[in-house]
């Protein structure tokens, strides 16, 4: 039986997910903490990775930052993210991964099952025919600014870290706000701060 690594703080991540994993012929390997993830990745090097960004352990900031720091190690691994619909456009732009699939929290079981099957069928071909998330709407500077904002820096600190003018940083931030479909920067900050607030 093929395995799938499920990065979630609890074994039971929902009846729909449990059913879809079993129906796809997969054996879940639950990883409850970031400290245990490298061990699971070594033991099951071919297993796809399913990351739960929901539930009581909702710590997307930590998980996104960890994935960005280890992006090179995922070049040949299938990755899927379970996230809130409101973060569907934001999270892909924050990640440094080249390929991954997303599943939103109110997805039907059939779509979840199809995503899991894509992970299994394309297990050794992450750059193949899989329908990865649409990205590329943001420039590299806009992504850098969002990632620093996610880490807790304010826009003044971001401009200093990137060695650019404050107004230029503000302009890039507002461009990202428009491209991501947010009404204003307050809505962007609400989503970014939501990651950190829910992690506490």
N, C-alpha and C. Protein backbone atom coordinates (compact mmCIF):
# COMPACT_ATOMS: atom_id res chain seq x y z
N UNK A 1 0.85 -1.18 0.00
CA UNK A 1 0.00 0.00 0.00
C UNK A 1 0.89 1.24 0.00
N UNK A 2 0.50 2.22 -0.80
CA UNK A 2 1.25 3.47 -0.87
C UNK A 2 0.91 4.34 0.33
N UNK A 3 1.88 5.15 0.73
CA UNK A 3 1.70 6.03 1.89
C UNK A 3 1.52 7.47 1.45
N UNK A 4 0.92 8.25 2.32
CA UNK A 4 0.83 9.69 2.17
C UNK A 4 1.14 10.30 3.54
N UNK A 5 2.04 11.27 3.55
CA UNK A 5 2.38 11.95 4.80
C UNK A 5 1.37 13.08 5.01
N UNK A 6 0.68 13.06 6.14
CA UNK A 6 -0.31 14.09 6.46
C UNK A 6 0.24 14.90 7.63
N UNK A 7 0.62 16.15 7.34
CA UNK A 7 1.17 17.03 8.37
C UNK A 7 0.01 17.75 9.05
N UNK A 8 -0.38 17.22 10.20
CA UNK A 8 -1.51 17.75 10.95
C UNK A 8 -1.32 17.38 12.41
N UNK A 9 -1.76 18.24 13.31
CA UNK A 9 -1.55 18.00 14.74
C UNK A 9 -2.44 16.90 15.29
N UNK A 10 -3.46 16.51 14.54
CA UNK A 10 -4.37 15.47 15.04
C UNK A 10 -4.49 14.36 14.01
N UNK A 11 -4.64 13.12 14.48
CA UNK A 11 -4.79 11.99 13.57
C UNK A 11 -6.06 12.09 12.75
N UNK A 12 -7.13 12.55 13.38
CA UNK A 12 -8.41 12.61 12.70
C UNK A 12 -8.59 13.99 12.11
N UNK A 13 -8.43 14.12 10.81
CA UNK A 13 -8.52 15.43 10.17
C UNK A 13 -9.85 15.63 9.46
N UNK A 14 -10.83 14.83 9.77
CA UNK A 14 -12.14 14.98 9.15
C UNK A 14 -12.54 13.71 8.42
N UNK A 15 -13.81 13.39 8.50
CA UNK A 15 -14.31 12.16 7.89
C UNK A 15 -14.10 12.16 6.38
N UNK A 16 -14.31 13.32 5.75
CA UNK A 16 -14.14 13.41 4.30
C UNK A 16 -12.72 13.10 3.87
N UNK A 17 -11.76 13.66 4.57
CA UNK A 17 -10.36 13.42 4.24
C UNK A 17 -9.98 11.97 4.51
N UNK A 18 -10.42 11.43 5.64
CA UNK A 18 -10.13 10.03 5.97
C UNK A 18 -10.69 9.10 4.90
N UNK A 19 -11.93 9.36 4.47
CA UNK A 19 -12.56 8.53 3.45
C UNK A 19 -11.80 8.65 2.12
N UNK A 20 -11.45 9.87 1.73
CA UNK A 20 -10.76 10.08 0.46
C UNK A 20 -9.39 9.41 0.46
N UNK A 21 -8.68 9.47 1.59
CA UNK A 21 -7.37 8.82 1.68
C UNK A 21 -7.51 7.31 1.54
N UNK A 22 -8.48 6.74 2.26
CA UNK A 22 -8.70 5.29 2.19
C UNK A 22 -9.16 4.87 0.81
N UNK A 23 -10.06 5.65 0.21
CA UNK A 23 -10.60 5.32 -1.11
C UNK A 23 -9.54 5.41 -2.20
N UNK A 24 -8.53 6.26 -2.00
CA UNK A 24 -7.44 6.39 -2.96
C UNK A 24 -6.40 5.28 -2.77
N UNK A 25 -6.62 4.40 -1.80
CA UNK A 25 -5.70 3.30 -1.56
C UNK A 25 -4.42 3.73 -0.87
N UNK A 26 -4.51 4.76 -0.05
CA UNK A 26 -3.34 5.30 0.63
C UNK A 26 -3.38 5.00 2.12
N UNK A 27 -2.21 4.83 2.69
CA UNK A 27 -2.07 4.65 4.13
C UNK A 27 -1.51 5.95 4.70
N UNK A 28 -2.28 6.66 5.56
CA UNK A 28 -1.77 7.93 6.08
C UNK A 28 -0.68 7.74 7.13
N UNK A 29 0.34 8.56 7.04
CA UNK A 29 1.38 8.64 8.05
C UNK A 29 1.25 10.04 8.65
N UNK A 30 0.71 10.12 9.87
CA UNK A 30 0.44 11.42 10.47
C UNK A 30 1.69 11.97 11.14
N UNK A 31 1.98 13.22 10.84
CA UNK A 31 3.08 13.95 11.45
C UNK A 31 2.45 15.10 12.22
N UNK A 32 2.67 15.12 13.52
CA UNK A 32 1.99 16.11 14.36
C UNK A 32 2.78 17.39 14.58
N UNK A 33 4.08 17.34 14.36
CA UNK A 33 4.89 18.54 14.62
C UNK A 33 5.95 18.72 13.54
N UNK A 34 6.44 19.93 13.46
CA UNK A 34 7.48 20.26 12.51
C UNK A 34 8.76 19.47 12.80
N UNK A 35 9.00 19.17 14.07
CA UNK A 35 10.20 18.42 14.45
C UNK A 35 10.18 17.00 13.91
N UNK A 36 8.99 16.41 13.76
CA UNK A 36 8.88 15.03 13.28
C UNK A 36 8.84 14.92 11.76
N UNK A 37 8.62 16.03 11.07
CA UNK A 37 8.47 15.98 9.62
C UNK A 37 9.72 15.49 8.88
N UNK A 38 10.92 15.98 9.19
CA UNK A 38 12.10 15.49 8.47
C UNK A 38 12.28 13.97 8.58
N UNK A 39 11.98 13.40 9.75
CA UNK A 39 12.09 11.95 9.92
C UNK A 39 11.12 11.23 8.99
N UNK A 40 9.87 11.69 8.94
CA UNK A 40 8.87 11.05 8.06
C UNK A 40 9.27 11.18 6.60
N UNK A 41 9.84 12.31 6.22
CA UNK A 41 10.26 12.50 4.83
C UNK A 41 11.42 11.58 4.47
N UNK A 42 12.30 11.27 5.44
CA UNK A 42 13.40 10.34 5.18
C UNK A 42 12.89 8.90 5.10
N UNK A 43 11.97 8.53 5.99
CA UNK A 43 11.46 7.16 6.02
C UNK A 43 10.59 6.86 4.79
N UNK A 44 9.82 7.84 4.35
CA UNK A 44 8.92 7.67 3.20
C UNK A 44 9.28 8.69 2.11
N UNK A 45 10.43 8.50 1.46
CA UNK A 45 10.90 9.52 0.51
C UNK A 45 10.00 9.69 -0.72
N UNK A 46 9.27 8.65 -1.10
CA UNK A 46 8.42 8.73 -2.29
C UNK A 46 6.99 9.14 -1.97
N UNK A 47 6.64 9.21 -0.69
CA UNK A 47 5.26 9.51 -0.31
C UNK A 47 4.94 10.98 -0.56
N UNK A 48 3.77 11.27 -1.14
CA UNK A 48 3.35 12.67 -1.28
C UNK A 48 3.09 13.28 0.10
N UNK A 49 3.12 14.59 0.16
CA UNK A 49 2.93 15.32 1.42
C UNK A 49 1.64 16.12 1.36
N UNK A 50 0.76 15.90 2.34
CA UNK A 50 -0.51 16.62 2.43
C UNK A 50 -0.44 17.47 3.70
N UNK A 51 -0.51 18.79 3.55
CA UNK A 51 -0.32 19.70 4.67
C UNK A 51 -1.65 20.33 5.05
N UNK A 52 -2.07 20.10 6.28
CA UNK A 52 -3.32 20.65 6.79
C UNK A 52 -3.05 22.02 7.41
N UNK A 53 -3.62 23.06 6.79
CA UNK A 53 -3.49 24.41 7.33
C UNK A 53 -4.77 24.83 8.04
N UNK A 54 -5.54 23.86 8.49
CA UNK A 54 -6.80 24.12 9.19
C UNK A 54 -6.77 23.49 10.58
N UNK A 55 -7.85 23.65 11.31
CA UNK A 55 -8.03 22.96 12.58
C UNK A 55 -7.39 23.67 13.75
N UNK A 56 -7.30 22.95 14.87
CA UNK A 56 -6.77 23.52 16.11
C UNK A 56 -5.29 23.86 16.00
N UNK A 57 -4.60 23.19 15.09
CA UNK A 57 -3.17 23.43 14.93
C UNK A 57 -2.90 24.44 13.82
N UNK A 58 -3.86 25.29 13.53
CA UNK A 58 -3.74 26.19 12.38
C UNK A 58 -2.57 27.14 12.57
N UNK A 59 -1.42 26.76 12.04
CA UNK A 59 -0.22 27.57 12.13
C UNK A 59 0.37 27.74 10.74
N UNK A 60 -0.37 28.35 9.83
CA UNK A 60 0.15 28.46 8.47
C UNK A 60 1.42 29.28 8.37
N UNK A 61 1.60 30.26 9.23
CA UNK A 61 2.81 31.07 9.16
C UNK A 61 4.04 30.19 9.35
N UNK A 62 4.05 29.39 10.40
CA UNK A 62 5.19 28.51 10.66
C UNK A 62 5.39 27.51 9.52
N UNK A 63 4.31 26.93 9.04
CA UNK A 63 4.42 25.92 7.99
C UNK A 63 4.89 26.54 6.68
N UNK A 64 4.36 27.71 6.34
CA UNK A 64 4.79 28.38 5.11
C UNK A 64 6.26 28.77 5.19
N UNK A 65 6.67 29.33 6.32
CA UNK A 65 8.08 29.71 6.48
C UNK A 65 8.98 28.48 6.43
N UNK A 66 8.55 27.37 7.06
CA UNK A 66 9.34 26.14 7.03
C UNK A 66 9.47 25.63 5.60
N UNK A 67 8.36 25.60 4.87
CA UNK A 67 8.40 25.13 3.48
C UNK A 67 9.31 26.01 2.62
N UNK A 68 9.24 27.32 2.82
CA UNK A 68 10.09 28.22 2.05
C UNK A 68 11.56 27.99 2.35
N UNK A 69 11.90 27.70 3.61
CA UNK A 69 13.29 27.45 3.98
C UNK A 69 13.80 26.11 3.46
N UNK A 70 12.89 25.18 3.16
CA UNK A 70 13.28 23.84 2.71
C UNK A 70 12.76 23.55 1.30
N UNK A 71 12.48 24.58 0.52
CA UNK A 71 11.87 24.40 -0.80
C UNK A 71 12.70 23.50 -1.71
N UNK A 72 14.02 23.58 -1.61
CA UNK A 72 14.88 22.76 -2.45
C UNK A 72 14.69 21.27 -2.23
N UNK A 73 14.32 20.88 -1.04
CA UNK A 73 14.11 19.47 -0.73
C UNK A 73 12.80 18.91 -1.27
N UNK A 74 11.96 19.78 -1.85
CA UNK A 74 10.67 19.32 -2.36
C UNK A 74 10.61 19.34 -3.89
N UNK A 75 11.77 19.40 -4.53
CA UNK A 75 11.81 19.48 -5.99
C UNK A 75 11.18 18.26 -6.64
N UNK A 76 11.30 17.09 -6.03
CA UNK A 76 10.76 15.86 -6.62
C UNK A 76 9.63 15.27 -5.78
N UNK A 77 8.96 16.07 -5.00
CA UNK A 77 7.89 15.56 -4.14
C UNK A 77 6.57 16.24 -4.46
N UNK A 78 5.51 15.45 -4.48
CA UNK A 78 4.16 15.98 -4.65
C UNK A 78 3.70 16.59 -3.33
N UNK A 79 3.15 17.79 -3.37
CA UNK A 79 2.68 18.49 -2.18
C UNK A 79 1.27 19.01 -2.43
N UNK A 80 0.40 18.83 -1.44
CA UNK A 80 -0.95 19.39 -1.49
C UNK A 80 -1.21 20.13 -0.19
N UNK A 81 -1.91 21.25 -0.28
CA UNK A 81 -2.22 22.08 0.88
C UNK A 81 -3.73 22.14 1.08
N UNK A 82 -4.17 21.89 2.31
CA UNK A 82 -5.57 22.08 2.68
C UNK A 82 -5.65 23.42 3.41
N UNK A 83 -6.37 24.38 2.83
CA UNK A 83 -6.40 25.72 3.41
C UNK A 83 -7.78 26.35 3.32
N UNK A 84 -7.93 27.48 3.98
CA UNK A 84 -9.20 28.20 3.98
C UNK A 84 -9.41 28.87 2.63
N UNK A 85 -10.67 28.94 2.20
CA UNK A 85 -10.96 29.55 0.90
C UNK A 85 -10.47 31.00 0.84
N UNK A 86 -10.56 31.72 1.94
CA UNK A 86 -10.14 33.13 1.93
C UNK A 86 -8.65 33.29 1.69
N UNK A 87 -7.87 32.21 1.89
CA UNK A 87 -6.42 32.27 1.67
C UNK A 87 -6.00 31.61 0.35
N UNK A 88 -6.97 31.26 -0.47
CA UNK A 88 -6.71 30.52 -1.70
C UNK A 88 -5.80 31.29 -2.67
N UNK A 89 -5.92 32.60 -2.73
CA UNK A 89 -5.06 33.37 -3.63
C UNK A 89 -3.78 33.83 -2.95
N UNK A 90 -3.82 34.00 -1.64
CA UNK A 90 -2.66 34.54 -0.92
C UNK A 90 -1.57 33.49 -0.69
N UNK A 91 -1.93 32.33 -0.20
CA UNK A 91 -0.94 31.31 0.17
C UNK A 91 -0.04 30.90 -1.00
N UNK A 92 -0.59 30.64 -2.20
CA UNK A 92 0.31 30.26 -3.30
C UNK A 92 1.37 31.30 -3.61
N UNK A 93 1.04 32.56 -3.43
CA UNK A 93 2.02 33.62 -3.72
C UNK A 93 3.07 33.74 -2.63
N UNK A 94 2.77 33.25 -1.43
CA UNK A 94 3.73 33.32 -0.33
C UNK A 94 4.74 32.17 -0.38
N UNK A 95 4.39 31.09 -1.07
CA UNK A 95 5.25 29.91 -1.08
C UNK A 95 6.34 29.99 -2.14
N UNK A 96 7.49 29.44 -1.82
CA UNK A 96 8.61 29.38 -2.76
C UNK A 96 8.62 28.07 -3.55
N UNK A 97 7.68 27.19 -3.28
CA UNK A 97 7.63 25.90 -3.99
C UNK A 97 7.27 26.12 -5.45
N UNK A 98 7.85 25.29 -6.33
CA UNK A 98 7.55 25.40 -7.76
C UNK A 98 6.24 24.73 -8.13
N UNK A 99 5.84 23.72 -7.39
CA UNK A 99 4.65 22.95 -7.74
C UNK A 99 3.94 22.47 -6.48
N UNK A 100 2.64 22.56 -6.50
CA UNK A 100 1.82 22.03 -5.41
C UNK A 100 0.36 22.14 -5.82
N UNK A 101 -0.46 21.38 -5.15
CA UNK A 101 -1.90 21.42 -5.36
C UNK A 101 -2.55 22.04 -4.14
N UNK A 102 -3.70 22.66 -4.32
CA UNK A 102 -4.42 23.20 -3.17
C UNK A 102 -5.81 22.60 -3.10
N UNK A 103 -6.28 22.44 -1.88
CA UNK A 103 -7.64 21.98 -1.61
C UNK A 103 -8.21 22.96 -0.59
N UNK A 104 -9.37 23.54 -0.90
CA UNK A 104 -9.96 24.50 0.03
C UNK A 104 -10.86 23.78 1.03
N UNK A 105 -11.10 24.42 2.16
CA UNK A 105 -11.76 23.78 3.29
C UNK A 105 -13.18 23.30 3.02
N UNK A 106 -13.89 23.90 2.08
CA UNK A 106 -15.26 23.47 1.83
C UNK A 106 -15.39 22.65 0.55
N UNK A 107 -14.31 22.00 0.16
CA UNK A 107 -14.31 21.18 -1.04
C UNK A 107 -15.17 19.93 -0.84
N UNK A 108 -15.77 19.45 -1.91
CA UNK A 108 -16.55 18.21 -1.78
C UNK A 108 -15.60 17.02 -1.81
N UNK A 109 -16.07 15.90 -1.31
CA UNK A 109 -15.23 14.70 -1.17
C UNK A 109 -14.71 14.23 -2.53
N UNK A 110 -15.51 14.38 -3.58
CA UNK A 110 -15.09 13.95 -4.91
C UNK A 110 -13.85 14.72 -5.37
N UNK A 111 -13.85 16.04 -5.16
CA UNK A 111 -12.69 16.84 -5.55
C UNK A 111 -11.47 16.50 -4.70
N UNK A 112 -11.68 16.25 -3.43
CA UNK A 112 -10.58 15.86 -2.55
C UNK A 112 -9.99 14.53 -3.01
N UNK A 113 -10.85 13.59 -3.36
CA UNK A 113 -10.42 12.29 -3.86
C UNK A 113 -9.60 12.46 -5.14
N UNK A 114 -10.06 13.31 -6.05
CA UNK A 114 -9.33 13.54 -7.31
C UNK A 114 -7.95 14.13 -7.04
N UNK A 115 -7.85 15.04 -6.10
CA UNK A 115 -6.55 15.63 -5.75
C UNK A 115 -5.61 14.57 -5.20
N UNK A 116 -6.12 13.72 -4.32
CA UNK A 116 -5.28 12.65 -3.76
C UNK A 116 -4.83 11.69 -4.85
N UNK A 117 -5.71 11.37 -5.79
CA UNK A 117 -5.33 10.49 -6.89
C UNK A 117 -4.26 11.14 -7.76
N UNK A 118 -4.35 12.44 -7.97
CA UNK A 118 -3.30 13.14 -8.72
C UNK A 118 -1.96 13.01 -8.01
N UNK A 119 -1.97 13.10 -6.69
CA UNK A 119 -0.73 12.96 -5.93
C UNK A 119 -0.13 11.59 -6.12
N UNK A 120 -0.98 10.56 -6.18
CA UNK A 120 -0.50 9.19 -6.31
C UNK A 120 -0.05 8.90 -7.73
N UNK A 121 -0.88 9.25 -8.70
CA UNK A 121 -0.58 8.95 -10.10
C UNK A 121 0.69 9.66 -10.55
N UNK A 122 0.85 10.90 -10.14
CA UNK A 122 2.01 11.70 -10.55
C UNK A 122 3.09 11.74 -9.48
N UNK A 123 3.15 10.69 -8.67
CA UNK A 123 4.04 10.68 -7.51
C UNK A 123 5.49 10.97 -7.86
N UNK A 124 5.96 10.43 -8.96
CA UNK A 124 7.35 10.62 -9.33
C UNK A 124 7.53 11.66 -10.42
N UNK A 125 6.46 12.37 -10.76
CA UNK A 125 6.54 13.36 -11.83
C UNK A 125 5.90 14.68 -11.39
N UNK A 126 6.49 15.37 -10.43
CA UNK A 126 5.87 16.60 -9.96
C UNK A 126 5.75 17.68 -11.01
N UNK A 127 6.62 17.66 -12.01
CA UNK A 127 6.56 18.70 -13.04
C UNK A 127 5.79 18.23 -14.26
N UNK A 128 5.11 17.09 -14.15
CA UNK A 128 4.40 16.50 -15.27
C UNK A 128 3.10 17.19 -15.60
N UNK A 129 2.07 16.39 -15.81
CA UNK A 129 0.80 16.91 -16.29
C UNK A 129 -0.15 17.31 -15.18
N UNK A 130 0.32 17.43 -13.96
CA UNK A 130 -0.58 17.78 -12.87
C UNK A 130 -1.06 19.21 -13.02
N UNK A 131 -2.27 19.45 -12.58
CA UNK A 131 -2.84 20.79 -12.64
C UNK A 131 -2.45 21.54 -11.38
N UNK A 132 -1.30 22.15 -11.40
CA UNK A 132 -0.84 22.89 -10.22
C UNK A 132 -1.55 24.23 -10.16
N UNK A 133 -1.45 24.84 -9.01
CA UNK A 133 -2.16 26.09 -8.76
C UNK A 133 -1.63 27.19 -9.69
N UNK A 134 -2.53 28.03 -10.15
CA UNK A 134 -2.13 29.14 -11.01
C UNK A 134 -1.42 30.20 -10.17
N UNK A 135 -0.22 30.55 -10.61
CA UNK A 135 0.54 31.56 -9.88
C UNK A 135 1.16 32.51 -10.88
N UNK A 136 2.03 33.35 -10.38
CA UNK A 136 2.77 34.23 -11.26
C UNK A 136 2.12 35.57 -11.46
N UNK A 137 1.09 35.85 -10.71
CA UNK A 137 0.45 37.15 -10.84
C UNK A 137 1.29 38.23 -10.18
N UNK A 138 2.05 37.87 -9.17
CA UNK A 138 2.84 38.86 -8.44
C UNK A 138 4.28 38.85 -8.93
N UNK A 139 4.91 40.02 -8.88
CA UNK A 139 6.33 40.11 -9.21
C UNK A 139 7.14 39.56 -8.04
N UNK A 140 8.42 39.34 -8.28
CA UNK A 140 9.27 38.82 -7.22
C UNK A 140 9.36 39.80 -6.05
N UNK A 141 9.39 41.10 -6.34
CA UNK A 141 9.45 42.11 -5.28
C UNK A 141 8.17 42.08 -4.45
N UNK A 142 7.02 41.95 -5.10
CA UNK A 142 5.75 41.89 -4.37
C UNK A 142 5.70 40.66 -3.46
N UNK A 143 6.20 39.54 -3.97
CA UNK A 143 6.24 38.32 -3.15
C UNK A 143 7.17 38.50 -1.96
N UNK A 144 8.32 39.11 -2.19
CA UNK A 144 9.28 39.34 -1.09
C UNK A 144 8.66 40.21 -0.01
N UNK A 145 7.94 41.24 -0.43
CA UNK A 145 7.29 42.13 0.54
C UNK A 145 6.24 41.37 1.34
N UNK A 146 5.42 40.56 0.67
CA UNK A 146 4.39 39.78 1.37
C UNK A 146 5.01 38.81 2.37
N UNK A 147 6.10 38.17 1.97
CA UNK A 147 6.75 37.20 2.87
C UNK A 147 7.31 37.88 4.11
N UNK A 148 7.86 39.07 3.94
CA UNK A 148 8.37 39.82 5.10
C UNK A 148 7.22 40.31 5.98
N UNK A 149 6.12 40.73 5.37
CA UNK A 149 4.95 41.12 6.15
C UNK A 149 4.42 39.93 6.94
N UNK A 150 4.45 38.75 6.33
CA UNK A 150 4.00 37.53 7.01
C UNK A 150 4.87 37.24 8.23
N UNK A 151 6.15 37.57 8.14
CA UNK A 151 7.07 37.33 9.25
C UNK A 151 6.91 38.36 10.36
N UNK A 152 6.06 39.37 10.14
CA UNK A 152 5.77 40.33 11.19
C UNK A 152 6.39 41.70 11.02
N UNK A 153 7.10 41.92 9.93
CA UNK A 153 7.70 43.24 9.69
C UNK A 153 6.63 44.22 9.22
N UNK A 154 6.76 45.48 9.61
CA UNK A 154 5.85 46.49 9.06
C UNK A 154 6.46 47.00 7.75
N UNK A 155 5.71 47.81 7.01
CA UNK A 155 6.15 48.22 5.68
C UNK A 155 7.41 49.07 5.73
N UNK A 156 7.62 49.85 6.79
CA UNK A 156 8.87 50.62 6.93
C UNK A 156 10.06 49.68 7.08
N UNK A 157 9.90 48.68 7.92
CA UNK A 157 10.98 47.69 8.13
C UNK A 157 11.23 46.91 6.84
N UNK A 158 10.17 46.59 6.12
CA UNK A 158 10.31 45.89 4.84
C UNK A 158 11.15 46.72 3.87
N UNK A 159 10.86 48.02 3.79
CA UNK A 159 11.61 48.88 2.87
C UNK A 159 13.09 48.92 3.26
N UNK A 160 13.39 48.91 4.56
CA UNK A 160 14.78 48.89 5.01
C UNK A 160 15.45 47.56 4.67
N UNK A 161 14.75 46.46 4.92
CA UNK A 161 15.33 45.14 4.66
C UNK A 161 15.60 44.92 3.18
N UNK A 162 14.73 45.45 2.33
CA UNK A 162 14.90 45.27 0.89
C UNK A 162 15.70 46.41 0.25
N UNK A 163 16.10 47.38 1.07
CA UNK A 163 16.90 48.52 0.60
C UNK A 163 16.20 49.27 -0.53
N UNK A 164 14.91 49.52 -0.32
CA UNK A 164 14.15 50.32 -1.29
C UNK A 164 13.44 51.45 -0.55
N UNK A 165 13.04 52.43 -1.30
CA UNK A 165 12.32 53.58 -0.76
C UNK A 165 11.00 53.13 -0.15
N UNK A 166 10.58 53.80 0.92
CA UNK A 166 9.31 53.47 1.59
C UNK A 166 8.13 53.55 0.63
N UNK A 167 8.08 54.61 -0.18
CA UNK A 167 6.96 54.77 -1.12
C UNK A 167 6.97 53.67 -2.18
N UNK A 168 8.15 53.24 -2.59
CA UNK A 168 8.25 52.14 -3.56
C UNK A 168 7.72 50.86 -2.94
N UNK A 169 8.11 50.60 -1.70
CA UNK A 169 7.62 49.40 -1.00
C UNK A 169 6.10 49.46 -0.85
N UNK A 170 5.59 50.63 -0.50
CA UNK A 170 4.15 50.81 -0.36
C UNK A 170 3.45 50.57 -1.70
N UNK A 171 4.04 51.06 -2.78
CA UNK A 171 3.47 50.86 -4.12
C UNK A 171 3.42 49.39 -4.50
N UNK A 172 4.50 48.65 -4.22
CA UNK A 172 4.52 47.20 -4.50
C UNK A 172 3.47 46.47 -3.66
N UNK A 173 3.34 46.89 -2.41
CA UNK A 173 2.35 46.25 -1.53
C UNK A 173 0.94 46.48 -2.08
N UNK A 174 0.63 47.69 -2.49
CA UNK A 174 -0.70 48.00 -3.01
C UNK A 174 -0.96 47.29 -4.33
N UNK A 175 0.07 47.13 -5.13
CA UNK A 175 -0.07 46.37 -6.38
C UNK A 175 -0.42 44.92 -6.07
N UNK A 176 0.24 44.35 -5.06
CA UNK A 176 -0.07 42.98 -4.63
C UNK A 176 -1.49 42.88 -4.11
N UNK A 177 -1.92 43.89 -3.37
CA UNK A 177 -3.29 43.92 -2.84
C UNK A 177 -4.29 43.82 -3.98
N UNK A 178 -4.09 44.63 -5.02
CA UNK A 178 -5.00 44.62 -6.17
C UNK A 178 -4.97 43.28 -6.90
N UNK A 179 -3.77 42.76 -7.15
CA UNK A 179 -3.64 41.51 -7.91
C UNK A 179 -4.25 40.33 -7.17
N UNK A 180 -4.20 40.35 -5.84
CA UNK A 180 -4.76 39.25 -5.05
C UNK A 180 -6.26 39.38 -4.83
N UNK A 181 -6.83 40.49 -5.28
CA UNK A 181 -8.28 40.66 -5.19
C UNK A 181 -8.77 41.21 -3.87
N UNK A 182 -7.88 41.75 -3.06
CA UNK A 182 -8.31 42.37 -1.81
C UNK A 182 -8.77 43.79 -2.09
N UNK A 183 -9.71 44.27 -1.30
CA UNK A 183 -10.25 45.62 -1.49
C UNK A 183 -9.26 46.70 -1.07
N UNK A 184 -8.50 46.43 -0.03
CA UNK A 184 -7.56 47.43 0.48
C UNK A 184 -6.49 46.71 1.30
N UNK A 185 -5.51 47.49 1.77
CA UNK A 185 -4.42 46.86 2.53
C UNK A 185 -4.90 46.33 3.87
N UNK A 186 -5.97 46.89 4.42
CA UNK A 186 -6.51 46.38 5.69
C UNK A 186 -6.97 44.93 5.52
N UNK A 187 -7.55 44.62 4.38
CA UNK A 187 -8.00 43.25 4.13
C UNK A 187 -6.80 42.31 3.98
N UNK A 188 -5.73 42.78 3.35
CA UNK A 188 -4.51 41.98 3.25
C UNK A 188 -3.94 41.71 4.64
N UNK A 189 -3.83 42.76 5.46
CA UNK A 189 -3.28 42.60 6.81
C UNK A 189 -4.16 41.69 7.66
N UNK A 190 -5.47 41.77 7.46
CA UNK A 190 -6.38 40.90 8.21
C UNK A 190 -6.08 39.44 7.90
N UNK A 191 -5.83 39.12 6.63
CA UNK A 191 -5.51 37.75 6.25
C UNK A 191 -4.14 37.33 6.74
N UNK A 192 -3.15 38.21 6.62
CA UNK A 192 -1.81 37.88 7.12
C UNK A 192 -1.82 37.73 8.63
N UNK A 193 -2.48 38.65 9.32
CA UNK A 193 -2.56 38.58 10.78
C UNK A 193 -3.40 37.41 11.24
N UNK A 194 -4.36 37.00 10.43
CA UNK A 194 -5.17 35.84 10.76
C UNK A 194 -4.33 34.59 10.90
N UNK A 195 -3.29 34.47 10.08
CA UNK A 195 -2.38 33.34 10.20
C UNK A 195 -1.76 33.31 11.59
N UNK A 196 -1.22 34.47 12.00
CA UNK A 196 -0.50 34.52 13.28
C UNK A 196 -1.46 34.42 14.47
N UNK A 197 -2.63 35.08 14.37
CA UNK A 197 -3.58 35.07 15.49
C UNK A 197 -4.10 33.67 15.74
N UNK A 198 -4.38 32.94 14.66
CA UNK A 198 -4.91 31.59 14.82
C UNK A 198 -3.85 30.62 15.30
N UNK A 199 -2.58 30.99 15.11
CA UNK A 199 -1.50 30.11 15.55
C UNK A 199 -1.26 30.21 17.04
N UNK A 200 -1.76 31.25 17.69
CA UNK A 200 -1.51 31.44 19.13
C UNK A 200 -2.42 30.58 19.97
